[in-house]
């Protein structure tokens, strides 16, 4: 997915959705900018603008195309017996590239997507190269045995001891495998975007 100038996107959204924007230099520049616009007015103003802003923040955070993201939202809305907002979070967080990122195998979702695409990741022992694959509870996601000697994973065991994974993921002691124990759950306050507002956008 082609994204475009990341600094400009972060400034437009008012959120550090890319690692390039998650620097002190960028944060200071944004704080000093005389063109800063309040959150409620970005994206065109009004309820529609606020909803569009939240959708774009989430979409860029997970690195998805409009088609991919809208499909997840529609599926969440069509699922009966489950809150649509939580359903959207579950679908996004259950993606294999996101689970690899949340397990701490790499520092960014973009890097996680590349690991999966290049065949470095297995699910329940089976090599997987589809970043959008949805991981289920009790699935074991691991760095492929043949890939563990790669410089990409140097110091992996030591790094895993300092990393705090979400409560729904259990990382093995050696840091090379993780189990998604339960369905991903986040309070809206823990996210940098609002799933409730996004569902409102797609419910129009």
Foldseek 3Di string as FASTA:
>chain_A
DDDPDQLVLCQLLVHNLDPVCVDPVNVVCSVPDPPRDDLQPRQPHDLLRNLVSLLSSVCSNLVHDPVVLVVQLVVLVPDPPDDSLQSSVLQSCQFQLNVCCLLPLDPGSVVSLVCLLVQQKDKQLHTHNGRNDGHAAFIKIFGDPVCCVPPSCVCQLVVSVVDDGPPQKDADNSNGMIGRHHRDDDDQVVDPHGSVSNSVNVVD
